[in-house]
Amino acid sequence: MVEGRWTDPTKTPAIDWTASAALENVERGGQDVAEVTNLNGAVRAWLLLEPQHKASAVLTVEHPIQLDGIATTSFSGETIAALAEHLPNVPQDR
């Protein structure tokens, strides 16, 4: 008997968390300034945002990331949340 799987790892291959990324549309110090960092840092910064800022934030990466079978370089709202689920060692209470 073969054990079933709920997720298909080929739809979300290993993510390069060190890739350059920018978190945009987030007000910092009264200005809308993009935070340029690595993907890991950008997603973790998004997790710390207030809900209204999470909703307007846009995350862009230098190379396409395949998430659930779809390759993209731009994430927002629920797609950033889905990406965050793949972060290594992320607290589950966020």
N, C-alpha and C. Protein backbone atom coordinates (compact mmCIF):
# COMPACT_ATOMS: atom_id res chain seq x y z
N MET A 1 0.84 -1.18 0.00
CA MET A 1 0.00 0.00 0.00
C MET A 1 0.89 1.24 0.00
N VAL A 2 0.54 2.21 -0.80
CA VAL A 2 1.31 3.45 -0.91
C VAL A 2 0.66 4.51 -0.02
N GLU A 3 1.51 5.20 0.76
CA GLU A 3 1.01 6.26 1.63
C GLU A 3 0.66 7.49 0.80
N GLY A 4 -0.51 8.07 1.04
CA GLY A 4 -0.93 9.27 0.31
C GLY A 4 -0.27 10.52 0.84
N ARG A 5 -0.18 11.54 -0.03
CA ARG A 5 0.36 12.84 0.37
C ARG A 5 -0.66 13.91 0.05
N TRP A 6 -0.73 14.90 0.93
CA TRP A 6 -1.67 16.00 0.72
C TRP A 6 -1.06 17.09 -0.13
N THR A 7 0.26 17.20 -0.14
CA THR A 7 0.91 18.24 -0.93
C THR A 7 1.86 17.61 -1.93
N ASP A 8 2.09 18.29 -3.01
CA ASP A 8 2.99 17.82 -4.05
C ASP A 8 4.25 18.68 -4.01
N PRO A 9 5.39 18.13 -3.55
CA PRO A 9 6.60 18.92 -3.42
C PRO A 9 7.11 19.47 -4.75
N THR A 10 6.70 18.90 -5.87
CA THR A 10 7.16 19.41 -7.16
C THR A 10 6.46 20.73 -7.51
N LYS A 11 5.34 21.02 -6.84
CA LYS A 11 4.64 22.28 -7.10
C LYS A 11 5.29 23.45 -6.35
N THR A 12 6.04 23.17 -5.31
CA THR A 12 6.77 24.20 -4.57
C THR A 12 8.17 23.67 -4.29
N PRO A 13 9.07 23.80 -5.28
CA PRO A 13 10.45 23.34 -5.06
C PRO A 13 11.15 24.21 -4.02
N ALA A 14 12.34 23.83 -3.64
CA ALA A 14 13.11 24.58 -2.63
C ALA A 14 13.15 26.06 -2.99
N ILE A 15 12.93 26.89 -1.98
CA ILE A 15 12.91 28.34 -2.16
C ILE A 15 14.26 28.89 -1.72
N ASP A 16 14.83 29.79 -2.52
CA ASP A 16 16.09 30.45 -2.17
C ASP A 16 15.78 31.65 -1.30
N TRP A 17 15.86 31.49 0.01
CA TRP A 17 15.52 32.54 0.95
C TRP A 17 16.56 33.65 0.99
N THR A 18 17.71 33.45 0.32
CA THR A 18 18.74 34.48 0.29
C THR A 18 18.60 35.39 -0.93
N ALA A 19 17.67 35.12 -1.81
CA ALA A 19 17.47 35.94 -3.02
C ALA A 19 17.07 37.36 -2.63
N SER A 20 17.49 38.33 -3.43
CA SER A 20 17.13 39.73 -3.18
C SER A 20 15.62 39.91 -3.31
N ALA A 21 15.06 40.73 -2.41
CA ALA A 21 13.63 40.99 -2.41
C ALA A 21 13.37 42.41 -1.90
N ALA A 22 12.25 42.96 -2.30
CA ALA A 22 11.83 44.28 -1.83
C ALA A 22 10.41 44.18 -1.30
N LEU A 23 10.20 44.77 -0.13
CA LEU A 23 8.87 44.86 0.46
C LEU A 23 8.42 46.30 0.26
N GLU A 24 7.38 46.48 -0.55
CA GLU A 24 6.94 47.82 -0.95
C GLU A 24 5.53 48.13 -0.48
N ASN A 25 5.14 49.40 -0.64
CA ASN A 25 3.83 49.90 -0.26
C ASN A 25 3.59 49.80 1.24
N VAL A 26 4.66 49.95 2.02
CA VAL A 26 4.56 49.93 3.47
C VAL A 26 5.14 51.25 3.98
N GLU A 27 4.35 51.99 4.74
CA GLU A 27 4.80 53.28 5.25
C GLU A 27 5.83 53.08 6.35
N ARG A 28 6.94 53.80 6.22
CA ARG A 28 8.00 53.77 7.23
C ARG A 28 8.38 55.21 7.54
N GLY A 29 8.19 55.62 8.77
CA GLY A 29 8.54 56.98 9.16
C GLY A 29 7.80 58.04 8.38
N GLY A 30 6.54 57.79 8.04
CA GLY A 30 5.74 58.76 7.31
C GLY A 30 5.96 58.75 5.80
N GLN A 31 6.83 57.88 5.31
CA GLN A 31 7.11 57.79 3.88
C GLN A 31 6.93 56.36 3.40
N ASP A 32 6.58 56.22 2.13
CA ASP A 32 6.47 54.90 1.52
C ASP A 32 7.82 54.57 0.90
N VAL A 33 8.64 53.83 1.65
CA VAL A 33 9.99 53.49 1.21
C VAL A 33 10.12 51.98 1.14
N ALA A 34 10.57 51.48 0.00
CA ALA A 34 10.74 50.03 -0.14
C ALA A 34 11.88 49.55 0.75
N GLU A 35 11.67 48.41 1.38
CA GLU A 35 12.72 47.76 2.17
C GLU A 35 13.34 46.70 1.27
N VAL A 36 14.61 46.89 0.93
CA VAL A 36 15.31 45.94 0.08
C VAL A 36 16.20 45.08 0.97
N THR A 37 15.99 43.79 0.87
CA THR A 37 16.67 42.84 1.74
C THR A 37 16.66 41.50 1.03
N ASN A 38 16.84 40.42 1.79
CA ASN A 38 16.68 39.09 1.18
C ASN A 38 15.24 38.62 1.40
N LEU A 39 14.87 37.59 0.70
CA LEU A 39 13.50 37.09 0.76
C LEU A 39 13.10 36.70 2.18
N ASN A 40 13.99 36.06 2.90
CA ASN A 40 13.72 35.67 4.28
C ASN A 40 13.38 36.90 5.12
N GLY A 41 14.21 37.93 5.05
CA GLY A 41 13.99 39.14 5.83
C GLY A 41 12.72 39.87 5.44
N ALA A 42 12.42 39.91 4.15
CA ALA A 42 11.22 40.61 3.68
C ALA A 42 9.95 39.91 4.16
N VAL A 43 9.92 38.59 4.08
CA VAL A 43 8.73 37.85 4.52
C VAL A 43 8.57 37.97 6.03
N ARG A 44 9.66 37.87 6.77
CA ARG A 44 9.58 38.02 8.24
C ARG A 44 9.14 39.43 8.61
N ALA A 45 9.60 40.46 7.89
CA ALA A 45 9.17 41.83 8.15
C ALA A 45 7.66 41.96 7.88
N TRP A 46 7.18 41.32 6.82
CA TRP A 46 5.75 41.35 6.51
C TRP A 46 4.94 40.73 7.64
N LEU A 47 5.44 39.64 8.22
CA LEU A 47 4.72 38.97 9.30
C LEU A 47 4.51 39.89 10.51
N LEU A 48 5.39 40.87 10.69
CA LEU A 48 5.33 41.77 11.84
C LEU A 48 4.44 43.00 11.60
N LEU A 49 3.97 43.19 10.38
CA LEU A 49 3.16 44.36 10.04
C LEU A 49 1.76 44.28 10.64
N GLU A 50 1.17 45.45 10.83
CA GLU A 50 -0.23 45.55 11.23
C GLU A 50 -1.08 45.06 10.06
N PRO A 51 -2.27 44.53 10.32
CA PRO A 51 -3.11 43.98 9.25
C PRO A 51 -3.35 44.92 8.06
N GLN A 52 -3.58 46.20 8.32
CA GLN A 52 -3.84 47.11 7.21
C GLN A 52 -2.60 47.30 6.33
N HIS A 53 -1.42 47.22 6.92
CA HIS A 53 -0.18 47.33 6.15
C HIS A 53 0.11 46.03 5.39
N LYS A 54 -0.23 44.89 6.00
CA LYS A 54 -0.08 43.61 5.31
C LYS A 54 -0.91 43.59 4.03
N ALA A 55 -2.12 44.14 4.12
CA ALA A 55 -3.04 44.11 2.99
C ALA A 55 -2.53 44.92 1.80
N SER A 56 -1.80 46.00 2.05
CA SER A 56 -1.34 46.85 0.96
C SER A 56 0.09 46.54 0.51
N ALA A 57 0.81 45.74 1.26
CA ALA A 57 2.22 45.44 0.94
C ALA A 57 2.35 44.60 -0.33
N VAL A 58 3.43 44.84 -1.04
CA VAL A 58 3.80 44.06 -2.23
C VAL A 58 5.23 43.61 -2.06
N LEU A 59 5.47 42.33 -2.28
CA LEU A 59 6.80 41.75 -2.18
C LEU A 59 7.26 41.35 -3.58
N THR A 60 8.41 41.85 -4.00
CA THR A 60 8.94 41.47 -5.31
C THR A 60 10.30 40.82 -5.11
N VAL A 61 10.59 39.84 -5.94
CA VAL A 61 11.86 39.12 -5.86
C VAL A 61 12.59 39.17 -7.20
N GLU A 62 13.91 38.97 -7.14
CA GLU A 62 14.72 39.10 -8.35
C GLU A 62 14.51 37.97 -9.34
N HIS A 63 14.18 36.78 -8.87
CA HIS A 63 13.96 35.62 -9.73
C HIS A 63 12.61 35.00 -9.39
N PRO A 64 11.91 34.45 -10.36
CA PRO A 64 10.60 33.84 -10.07
C PRO A 64 10.70 32.73 -9.03
N ILE A 65 9.70 32.67 -8.20
CA ILE A 65 9.57 31.62 -7.19
C ILE A 65 8.35 30.81 -7.57
N GLN A 66 8.49 29.50 -7.54
CA GLN A 66 7.37 28.62 -7.84
C GLN A 66 6.70 28.24 -6.53
N LEU A 67 5.45 28.63 -6.40
CA LEU A 67 4.67 28.36 -5.20
C LEU A 67 3.35 27.72 -5.62
N ASP A 68 3.13 26.50 -5.17
CA ASP A 68 1.92 25.75 -5.54
C ASP A 68 1.74 25.65 -7.05
N GLY A 69 2.85 25.47 -7.75
CA GLY A 69 2.81 25.24 -9.19
C GLY A 69 2.79 26.49 -10.04
N ILE A 70 2.80 27.66 -9.43
CA ILE A 70 2.76 28.92 -10.18
C ILE A 70 4.03 29.71 -9.91
N ALA A 71 4.73 30.12 -10.98
CA ALA A 71 5.96 30.91 -10.83
C ALA A 71 5.62 32.39 -10.94
N THR A 72 6.13 33.19 -10.00
CA THR A 72 5.89 34.62 -10.01
C THR A 72 7.04 35.37 -9.35
N THR A 73 7.14 36.65 -9.64
CA THR A 73 8.13 37.50 -8.99
C THR A 73 7.47 38.55 -8.10
N SER A 74 6.14 38.53 -8.00
CA SER A 74 5.43 39.52 -7.20
C SER A 74 4.36 38.83 -6.34
N PHE A 75 4.34 39.19 -5.08
CA PHE A 75 3.41 38.60 -4.12
C PHE A 75 2.70 39.71 -3.36
N SER A 76 1.47 39.47 -2.95
CA SER A 76 0.75 40.43 -2.10
C SER A 76 -0.25 39.66 -1.24
N GLY A 77 -0.62 40.27 -0.12
CA GLY A 77 -1.65 39.71 0.75
C GLY A 77 -1.52 38.23 1.04
N GLU A 78 -2.53 37.48 0.60
CA GLU A 78 -2.59 36.05 0.87
C GLU A 78 -1.43 35.27 0.23
N THR A 79 -0.90 35.77 -0.87
CA THR A 79 0.21 35.04 -1.49
C THR A 79 1.49 35.21 -0.68
N ILE A 80 1.66 36.35 0.01
CA ILE A 80 2.80 36.49 0.92
C ILE A 80 2.59 35.56 2.12
N ALA A 81 1.36 35.48 2.60
CA ALA A 81 1.05 34.58 3.72
C ALA A 81 1.35 33.13 3.33
N ALA A 82 1.00 32.74 2.11
CA ALA A 82 1.29 31.38 1.65
C ALA A 82 2.79 31.15 1.56
N LEU A 83 3.53 32.15 1.12
CA LEU A 83 4.98 32.05 1.05
C LEU A 83 5.56 31.92 2.46
N ALA A 84 5.00 32.67 3.41
CA ALA A 84 5.47 32.63 4.80
C ALA A 84 5.33 31.24 5.41
N GLU A 85 4.35 30.48 4.96
CA GLU A 85 4.16 29.12 5.48
C GLU A 85 5.35 28.22 5.17
N HIS A 86 6.16 28.61 4.19
CA HIS A 86 7.32 27.81 3.80
C HIS A 86 8.61 28.29 4.45
N LEU A 87 8.53 29.38 5.23
CA LEU A 87 9.73 29.88 5.92
C LEU A 87 10.26 28.83 6.88
N PRO A 88 11.57 28.67 6.92
CA PRO A 88 12.13 27.75 7.91
C PRO A 88 12.04 28.37 9.31
N ASN A 89 11.61 27.58 10.28
CA ASN A 89 11.55 27.97 11.69
C ASN A 89 10.71 29.21 11.97
N VAL A 90 9.57 29.34 11.32
CA VAL A 90 8.68 30.46 11.59
C VAL A 90 7.75 30.10 12.74
N PRO A 91 7.56 31.01 13.72
CA PRO A 91 6.62 30.73 14.81
C PRO A 91 5.21 30.55 14.25
N GLN A 92 4.46 29.61 14.79
CA GLN A 92 3.12 29.29 14.27
C GLN A 92 2.03 30.18 14.85
N ASP A 93 2.36 31.10 15.78
CA ASP A 93 1.34 31.93 16.41
C ASP A 93 1.14 33.26 15.72
N ARG A 94 1.61 33.44 14.52
CA ARG A 94 1.47 34.73 13.80
C ARG A 94 0.23 34.73 12.96
